[in-house]
Amino acid sequence: MKILTSLLFATLVFPLTTTANTTLAVPPVPEIAAKAYYLTDFYSGQLLATRDADIRIEPASLTKLMTAYLTFKAINDKKLSLDQKLTVSQKGWKTEGSRMFLDPKTPAAVNDLIKGMIVQSGNDACVTLAEAIAGSEEVFAQMMTQQARQLGMKNTQFKNATGLPNPEHYTTVHDLNILSTAMIRDFPQFYPIYSLKSFTYNNIKQPNRNLLLYRDPNVDGMKTGYTESAGYNMITTSRRDGRRVISVVVGTKSTEARAVESSKLLNYGLQFFDSPKLYSAAKPVSQLALYKGSQATVAIGFNRDVYATVPKGQANQLKAQLTTVQPLIAPVKAGQTVGKLVVSLNGKPLLERPVVALQTVAEGNFFSRTWDSMKLLF
């Protein structure tokens, strides 16, 4: 491995010197009256605060985030359409808990079922969508668990689409944060539904149970949950000054408590940290020497925008180091990993991101390959 630093440092330091230099001491995380919690910056993905991140918890209706994720995926894959009409089954109609009051005699549009699931937390809507996608809620639950694994949720298992209690239906606040992040990232076209304050179906208007939607103009989602055994749970996201943070709070004592404790976490993350953008996706940060190729160099950069979250005012203290694969030999495909970036603060690693080739470069002709082979020998 060879260390390449000079040009990368230049592209990193310049934009960070424009950051405000008012440094705030980061206080301890406020006391959170909950069983477990997890707070991250959405853009950098960095963890800002947590307690009992990986203990097994009952998600209750936070389960519906995965039900929604698979529903949106089915729509993207053209297995469902928003105007498609579905009829609730007897199982769905009789499912206990919160509901959107579907009528077995009146088919409902998928678009309405989605809003009933998200805003009204309708269990009848969840079962109807699950059966339409997978044939049965049981098979759909297997799909939910499989999708969880694909997203990196290692400590989650689903047994239903609603979140009704089941001893084999569990997750962690860490895994719920992974799911929440994926929802916003993968389905931005559907995400605004989570900010709706009410929805009316069958002449019944129901409010969104996320109290922070009414109290904080920066909050635009996501989902609440409750069962007697789980307590009061909530996943919340808030935007301010170009940043977004996501909190997961579970096991509080009341609807008011979950709102208050979530607000504490959100404000902590937004008030005491900055998240400068270090690099833009698909924008070259350097040229890397390439052997046996149709050209002598290849542009390298990142598949996604790169952000770093730091205590407020400390962005200009960031340092970066790029390690690349050497020698790099053609052919090279666009998106191929060719190194890694490590960003550190005060000598401690803060984040690591893969560096990729930004273009495809084919093998060179016989003579250029032969010449480069000789160079590599010496």
Protein backbone atom coordinates (compact mmCIF):
# COMPACT_ATOMS: atom_id res chain seq x y z
CA MET A 1 0.00 0.00 0.00
CA LYS A 2 1.22 3.51 -0.80
CA ILE A 3 0.21 6.70 1.01
CA LEU A 4 -0.93 9.59 -1.20
CA THR A 5 -1.65 12.75 0.79
CA SER A 6 -0.54 16.04 -0.75
CA LEU A 7 -3.31 16.79 -3.25
CA LEU A 8 -6.02 15.30 -1.07
CA PHE A 9 -5.02 17.48 1.86
CA ALA A 10 -5.22 20.52 -0.38
CA THR A 11 -8.78 19.77 -1.47
CA LEU A 12 -9.82 19.11 2.13
CA VAL A 13 -8.33 22.05 4.01
CA PHE A 14 -9.48 24.85 1.73
CA PRO A 15 -13.27 24.53 2.20
CA LEU A 16 -12.92 23.87 5.92
CA THR A 17 -11.12 27.14 6.57
CA THR A 18 -14.39 28.92 5.79
CA THR A 19 -16.12 27.30 8.76
CA ALA A 20 -17.05 29.60 11.63
CA ASN A 21 -14.29 29.47 14.24
CA THR A 22 -16.53 29.77 17.30
CA THR A 23 -15.76 26.62 19.22
CA LEU A 24 -18.31 25.29 21.71
CA ALA A 25 -17.46 22.75 24.34
CA VAL A 26 -19.59 19.65 23.83
CA PRO A 27 -21.48 18.95 27.06
CA PRO A 28 -22.41 15.46 28.21
CA VAL A 29 -25.46 13.88 26.60
CA PRO A 30 -28.56 15.00 28.52
CA GLU A 31 -30.30 12.52 30.77
CA ILE A 32 -32.79 10.60 28.64
CA ALA A 33 -35.63 8.85 30.47
CA ALA A 34 -35.89 5.85 28.15
CA LYS A 35 -34.89 2.21 27.99
CA ALA A 36 -32.49 2.85 25.09
CA TYR A 37 -31.69 5.53 22.53
CA TYR A 38 -29.55 6.23 19.46
CA LEU A 39 -28.68 9.54 17.76
CA THR A 40 -26.83 10.02 14.48
CA ASP A 41 -26.10 12.65 11.90
CA PHE A 42 -27.87 11.61 8.70
CA TYR A 43 -25.33 12.94 6.21
CA SER A 44 -22.13 11.70 7.86
CA GLY A 45 -23.72 8.64 9.46
CA GLN A 46 -21.72 9.31 12.62
CA LEU A 47 -22.96 8.31 16.04
CA LEU A 48 -23.50 11.27 18.38
CA ALA A 49 -25.09 9.64 21.42
CA THR A 50 -26.38 6.25 22.50
CA ARG A 51 -27.30 4.04 25.40
CA ASP A 52 -27.80 0.28 25.17
CA ALA A 53 -27.52 0.39 21.40
CA ASP A 54 -27.70 -3.36 20.89
CA ILE A 55 -30.00 -4.64 23.62
CA ARG A 56 -33.05 -6.46 22.29
CA ILE A 57 -36.19 -4.32 22.34
CA GLU A 58 -39.76 -4.61 21.14
CA PRO A 59 -40.31 -2.17 18.26
CA ALA A 60 -44.13 -2.02 18.40
CA SER A 61 -45.36 0.13 15.49
CA LEU A 62 -41.84 1.21 14.57
CA THR A 63 -42.06 -2.10 12.71
CA LYS A 64 -44.11 -0.25 10.10
CA LEU A 65 -41.00 1.48 8.83
CA MET A 66 -39.92 -1.84 7.34
CA THR A 67 -43.44 -2.53 6.08
CA ALA A 68 -43.32 0.84 4.35
CA TYR A 69 -39.79 0.20 3.04
CA LEU A 70 -40.88 -2.99 1.28
CA THR A 71 -44.04 -1.28 0.02
CA PHE A 72 -42.02 1.53 -1.54
CA LYS A 73 -39.62 -1.01 -3.00
CA ALA A 74 -42.55 -2.91 -4.54
CA ILE A 75 -43.78 0.33 -6.12
CA ASN A 76 -40.34 1.12 -7.50
CA ASP A 77 -40.16 -2.41 -8.89
CA LYS A 78 -43.62 -1.92 -10.46
CA LYS A 79 -45.14 -4.76 -8.45
CA LEU A 80 -47.61 -2.27 -6.99
CA SER A 81 -48.93 1.07 -8.21
CA LEU A 82 -50.20 4.00 -6.17
CA ASP A 83 -53.63 3.95 -7.81
CA GLN A 84 -54.04 0.17 -7.54
CA LYS A 85 -57.07 -0.86 -5.49
CA LEU A 86 -56.78 -3.50 -2.76
CA THR A 87 -59.46 -5.07 -0.59
CA VAL A 88 -58.79 -5.80 3.05
CA SER A 89 -59.03 -9.49 3.98
CA GLN A 90 -60.92 -10.80 6.97
CA LYS A 91 -57.60 -11.20 8.76
CA GLY A 92 -56.63 -7.61 8.06
CA TRP A 93 -60.07 -6.28 8.96
CA LYS A 94 -60.04 -8.10 12.31
CA THR A 95 -56.44 -7.25 13.24
CA GLU A 96 -56.44 -5.59 16.64
CA GLY A 97 -54.84 -2.29 17.55
CA SER A 98 -54.76 0.99 15.65
CA ARG A 99 -56.46 1.02 12.27
CA MET A 100 -57.53 3.22 9.36
CA PHE A 101 -60.98 1.61 9.38
CA LEU A 102 -60.92 -0.14 6.04
CA ASP A 103 -64.22 -1.55 4.77
CA PRO A 104 -64.13 -5.11 3.31
CA LYS A 105 -66.78 -3.98 0.83
CA THR A 106 -64.79 -1.01 -0.45
CA PRO A 107 -61.36 -1.44 -2.07
CA ALA A 108 -58.76 1.18 -1.08
CA ALA A 109 -56.04 2.71 -3.24
CA VAL A 110 -52.46 1.83 -2.37
CA ASN A 111 -51.77 5.55 -1.98
CA ASP A 112 -54.41 5.74 0.77
CA LEU A 113 -53.18 2.54 2.39
CA ILE A 114 -49.68 4.00 2.64
CA LYS A 115 -50.97 7.13 4.36
CA GLY A 116 -53.17 5.03 6.62
CA MET A 117 -50.15 2.93 7.57
CA ILE A 118 -47.82 5.88 8.21
CA VAL A 119 -50.06 8.63 9.59
CA GLN A 120 -52.78 6.60 11.27
CA SER A 121 -50.54 3.60 12.06
CA GLY A 122 -53.27 1.38 10.65
CA ASN A 123 -52.69 -2.32 11.27
CA ASP A 124 -55.41 -3.15 8.76
CA ALA A 125 -53.50 -1.20 6.11
CA CYS A 126 -50.25 -3.03 6.94
CA VAL A 127 -51.79 -6.47 6.60
CA THR A 128 -53.50 -5.50 3.34
CA LEU A 129 -50.24 -4.28 1.81
CA ALA A 130 -48.29 -7.27 3.13
CA GLU A 131 -50.74 -9.75 1.62
CA ALA A 132 -50.71 -7.92 -1.71
CA ILE A 133 -46.92 -7.99 -1.91
CA ALA A 134 -46.16 -11.45 -0.51
CA GLY A 135 -49.43 -13.40 -0.55
CA SER A 136 -49.51 -13.69 3.23
CA GLU A 137 -48.34 -11.71 6.22
CA GLU A 138 -46.16 -14.63 7.30
CA VAL A 139 -44.19 -14.66 4.04
CA PHE A 140 -44.01 -10.86 4.13
CA ALA A 141 -42.44 -11.03 7.60
CA GLN A 142 -39.76 -13.32 6.17
CA MET A 143 -39.12 -10.72 3.48
CA MET A 144 -38.86 -8.06 6.18
CA THR A 145 -36.17 -10.00 8.02
CA GLN A 146 -34.31 -10.69 4.78
CA GLN A 147 -34.37 -6.99 3.90
CA ALA A 148 -33.13 -6.16 7.37
CA ARG A 149 -30.07 -8.35 6.80
CA GLN A 150 -29.39 -6.69 3.46
CA LEU A 151 -29.43 -3.27 5.15
CA GLY A 152 -27.02 -4.44 7.85
CA MET A 153 -29.56 -4.88 10.64
CA LYS A 154 -27.87 -7.81 12.38
CA ASN A 155 -30.02 -8.06 15.51
CA THR A 156 -33.53 -7.85 14.09
CA GLN A 157 -36.23 -10.41 13.38
CA PHE A 158 -39.76 -9.71 12.20
CA LYS A 159 -42.79 -11.94 12.68
CA ASN A 160 -45.54 -9.60 11.46
CA ALA A 161 -46.09 -6.40 9.49
CA THR A 162 -47.71 -4.43 12.31
CA GLY A 163 -45.52 -4.66 15.39
CA LEU A 164 -48.08 -6.45 17.52
CA PRO A 165 -46.31 -8.30 20.38
CA ASN A 166 -44.55 -11.55 19.57
CA PRO A 167 -41.62 -12.95 21.59
CA GLU A 168 -39.73 -13.64 18.34
CA HIS A 169 -40.34 -10.13 16.95
CA TYR A 170 -37.47 -7.89 18.05
CA THR A 171 -34.84 -5.35 17.06
CA THR A 172 -32.40 -2.79 18.58
CA VAL A 173 -32.20 1.00 18.53
CA HIS A 174 -29.03 0.66 16.45
CA ASP A 175 -30.83 -1.40 13.82
CA LEU A 176 -33.81 0.97 13.82
CA ASN A 177 -31.44 3.82 13.09
CA ILE A 178 -30.05 1.88 10.11
CA LEU A 179 -33.59 1.40 8.82
CA SER A 180 -34.57 5.04 9.34
CA THR A 181 -31.49 6.25 7.49
CA ALA A 182 -32.18 3.86 4.61
CA MET A 183 -35.79 5.04 4.37
CA ILE A 184 -34.79 8.68 3.88
CA ARG A 185 -31.86 7.82 1.59
CA ASP A 186 -33.56 5.24 -0.63
CA PHE A 187 -37.09 6.67 -0.95
CA PRO A 188 -36.89 10.48 -0.81
CA GLN A 189 -39.96 10.73 -3.05
CA PHE A 190 -42.12 9.06 -0.40
CA TYR A 191 -40.51 10.49 2.70
CA PRO A 192 -42.71 13.66 2.88
CA ILE A 193 -45.65 11.44 3.87
CA TYR A 194 -44.03 11.13 7.30
CA SER A 195 -44.57 14.84 7.92
CA LEU A 196 -48.36 14.74 7.35
CA LYS A 197 -50.11 15.87 10.52
CA SER A 198 -53.38 14.08 9.80
CA PHE A 199 -55.14 11.84 7.32
CA THR A 200 -58.83 11.26 6.68
CA TYR A 201 -60.21 7.98 5.40
CA ASN A 202 -63.75 6.61 5.51
CA ASN A 203 -64.80 10.02 6.90
CA ILE A 204 -62.61 9.45 9.94
CA LYS A 205 -59.84 11.98 10.52
CA GLN A 206 -56.91 10.81 12.63
CA PRO A 207 -53.90 12.88 13.75
CA ASN A 208 -50.28 11.89 13.43
CA ARG A 209 -49.14 10.70 16.88
CA ASN A 210 -45.74 12.40 16.55
CA LEU A 211 -46.28 15.41 18.83
CA LEU A 212 -43.07 17.08 17.66
CA LEU A 213 -44.58 17.65 14.21
CA TYR A 214 -46.84 20.22 15.87
CA ARG A 215 -44.25 21.74 18.20
CA ASP A 216 -41.02 21.96 16.21
CA PRO A 217 -41.01 23.27 12.62
CA ASN A 218 -37.68 21.53 11.99
CA VAL A 219 -39.13 18.06 12.65
CA ASP A 220 -40.47 16.26 9.57
CA GLY A 221 -40.87 12.62 10.69
CA MET A 222 -40.85 9.74 11.38
CA LYS A 223 -42.86 7.16 13.37
CA THR A 224 -44.29 6.40 16.79
CA GLY A 225 -45.06 3.06 18.43
CA TYR A 226 -46.70 1.75 21.55
CA THR A 227 -47.65 -1.48 23.21
CA GLU A 228 -48.06 -2.10 26.91
CA SER A 229 -44.99 -4.32 26.94
CA ALA A 230 -42.81 -2.06 24.75
CA GLY A 231 -43.70 1.30 26.24
CA TYR A 232 -43.80 4.46 24.15
CA ASN A 233 -41.32 4.51 21.27
CA MET A 234 -40.48 7.13 18.66
CA ILE A 235 -38.10 7.66 15.77
CA THR A 236 -37.71 11.34 14.94
CA THR A 237 -35.70 13.35 12.45
CA SER A 238 -35.04 17.07 12.43
CA ARG A 239 -33.41 19.46 9.96
CA ARG A 240 -31.63 22.72 10.75
CA ASP A 241 -29.04 24.82 8.91
CA GLY A 242 -28.49 22.21 6.22
CA ARG A 243 -28.09 19.35 8.69
CA ARG A 244 -30.32 16.40 9.60
CA VAL A 245 -30.18 14.25 12.70
CA ILE A 246 -32.12 11.06 13.49
CA SER A 247 -33.05 9.92 17.00
CA VAL A 248 -34.46 6.59 18.15
CA VAL A 249 -35.98 6.57 21.64
CA VAL A 250 -37.72 3.51 23.08
CA GLY A 251 -39.33 2.46 26.33
CA THR A 252 -40.54 5.82 27.65
CA LYS A 253 -43.49 6.23 30.01
CA SER A 254 -45.98 8.27 27.93
CA THR A 255 -46.68 10.02 24.64
CA GLU A 256 -45.48 13.25 26.23
CA ALA A 257 -42.30 11.64 27.55
CA ARG A 258 -41.27 10.20 24.21
CA ALA A 259 -41.69 13.63 22.60
CA VAL A 260 -39.75 15.44 25.33
CA GLU A 261 -36.89 12.93 25.44
CA SER A 262 -36.64 12.82 21.65
CA SER A 263 -36.52 16.62 21.53
CA LYS A 264 -33.62 16.62 24.00
CA LEU A 265 -31.60 14.33 21.78
CA LEU A 266 -32.39 16.16 18.55
CA ASN A 267 -31.46 19.55 19.99
CA TYR A 268 -28.26 18.15 21.46
CA GLY A 269 -27.18 16.84 18.07
CA LEU A 270 -28.07 20.04 16.22
CA GLN A 271 -26.74 22.54 18.74
CA PHE A 272 -23.30 21.23 19.57
CA PHE A 273 -22.04 19.75 16.28
CA ASP A 274 -21.22 20.78 12.72
CA SER A 275 -21.32 18.51 9.65
CA PRO A 276 -19.24 20.12 6.91
CA LYS A 277 -19.30 18.61 3.45
CA LEU A 278 -15.77 17.52 2.60
CA TYR A 279 -16.16 16.10 -0.90
CA SER A 280 -18.86 15.93 -3.55
CA ALA A 281 -19.90 12.68 -5.17
CA ALA A 282 -18.38 11.94 -8.59
CA LYS A 283 -16.02 14.92 -8.38
CA PRO A 284 -12.33 14.01 -8.89
CA VAL A 285 -10.07 14.61 -5.89
CA SER A 286 -6.92 13.27 -7.55
CA GLN A 287 -5.49 11.36 -10.51
CA LEU A 288 -3.99 7.96 -9.76
CA ALA A 289 -1.19 6.42 -11.82
CA LEU A 290 -2.46 3.49 -13.89
CA TYR A 291 -0.40 0.78 -15.53
CA LYS A 292 -1.15 -1.21 -18.70
CA GLY A 293 -4.14 0.99 -19.48
CA SER A 294 -5.36 2.96 -22.47
CA GLN A 295 -4.42 6.05 -20.45
CA ALA A 296 -1.75 6.69 -17.84
CA THR A 297 -3.97 7.94 -15.02
CA VAL A 298 -7.48 7.48 -13.69
CA ALA A 299 -9.63 10.03 -11.84
CA ILE A 300 -10.56 9.00 -8.31
CA GLY A 301 -13.16 10.25 -5.86
CA PHE A 302 -16.30 9.11 -4.03
CA ASN A 303 -19.62 7.50 -4.93
CA ARG A 304 -21.44 9.66 -2.39
CA ASP A 305 -20.96 13.06 -0.82
CA VAL A 306 -18.62 12.85 2.15
CA TYR A 307 -19.50 14.68 5.36
CA ALA A 308 -17.85 14.69 8.78
CA THR A 309 -19.57 15.55 12.04
CA VAL A 310 -17.39 17.36 14.58
CA PRO A 311 -17.87 19.48 17.70
CA LYS A 312 -19.02 22.91 16.60
CA GLY A 313 -16.16 25.10 15.41
CA GLN A 314 -13.59 22.31 15.02
CA ALA A 315 -14.00 21.53 11.31
CA ASN A 316 -10.76 23.30 10.39
CA GLN A 317 -8.84 20.84 12.58
CA LEU A 318 -9.74 17.83 10.44
CA LYS A 319 -6.94 15.86 8.79
CA ALA A 320 -7.24 13.40 5.92
CA GLN A 321 -5.15 10.52 4.65
CA LEU A 322 -5.71 8.61 1.44
CA THR A 323 -4.32 5.10 1.09
CA THR A 324 -4.38 3.67 -2.44
CA VAL A 325 -3.73 0.30 -4.04
CA GLN A 326 -0.34 0.39 -5.77
CA PRO A 327 0.41 -0.52 -8.45
CA LEU A 328 -3.02 -0.09 -10.02
CA ILE A 329 -3.30 -2.15 -13.21
CA ALA A 330 -5.91 -1.84 -15.97
CA PRO A 331 -8.63 -2.62 -16.72
CA VAL A 332 -10.40 -0.48 -14.12
CA LYS A 333 -14.17 -0.10 -13.87
CA ALA A 334 -15.99 3.04 -12.75
CA GLY A 335 -16.99 2.54 -9.12
CA GLN A 336 -14.18 0.08 -8.41
CA THR A 337 -12.62 0.61 -4.98
CA VAL A 338 -9.02 1.76 -5.34
CA GLY A 339 -8.28 3.02 -1.84
CA LYS A 340 -9.70 4.45 1.34
CA LEU A 341 -9.96 7.84 2.98
CA VAL A 342 -9.49 8.20 6.73
CA VAL A 343 -10.50 11.51 8.30
CA SER A 344 -9.23 12.21 11.80
CA LEU A 345 -9.73 14.88 14.44
CA ASN A 346 -7.02 15.59 17.01
CA GLY A 347 -5.20 12.44 15.97
CA LYS A 348 -8.21 10.14 16.41
CA PRO A 349 -9.90 8.49 13.38
CA LEU A 350 -13.35 9.97 12.82
CA LEU A 351 -14.60 8.25 9.68
CA GLU A 352 -13.45 6.00 6.86
CA ARG A 353 -14.78 6.01 3.30
CA PRO A 354 -13.88 3.97 0.20
CA VAL A 355 -12.24 5.83 -2.67
CA VAL A 356 -13.30 4.68 -6.12
CA ALA A 357 -12.34 5.08 -9.74
CA LEU A 358 -14.60 7.64 -11.40
CA GLN A 359 -14.12 6.31 -14.91
CA THR A 360 -13.68 3.04 -16.75
CA VAL A 361 -10.28 2.54 -18.33
CA ALA A 362 -9.65 -0.38 -20.66
CA GLU A 363 -6.39 -2.20 -21.20
CA GLY A 364 -3.88 -0.49 -23.44
CA ASN A 365 -2.45 -1.93 -26.64
CA PHE A 366 0.25 -4.60 -26.72
CA PHE A 367 3.12 -2.15 -26.84
CA SER A 368 1.92 0.01 -23.94
CA ARG A 369 1.25 -3.07 -21.80
CA THR A 370 4.72 -4.43 -22.56
CA TRP A 371 6.36 -1.10 -21.74
CA ASP A 372 4.48 -0.83 -18.42
CA SER A 373 5.41 -4.43 -17.56
CA MET A 374 9.05 -3.50 -17.95
CA LYS A 375 8.59 -0.42 -15.76
CA LEU A 376 6.94 -2.51 -13.07
CA LEU A 377 9.90 -4.90 -13.05
CA PHE A 378 12.22 -2.04 -12.09
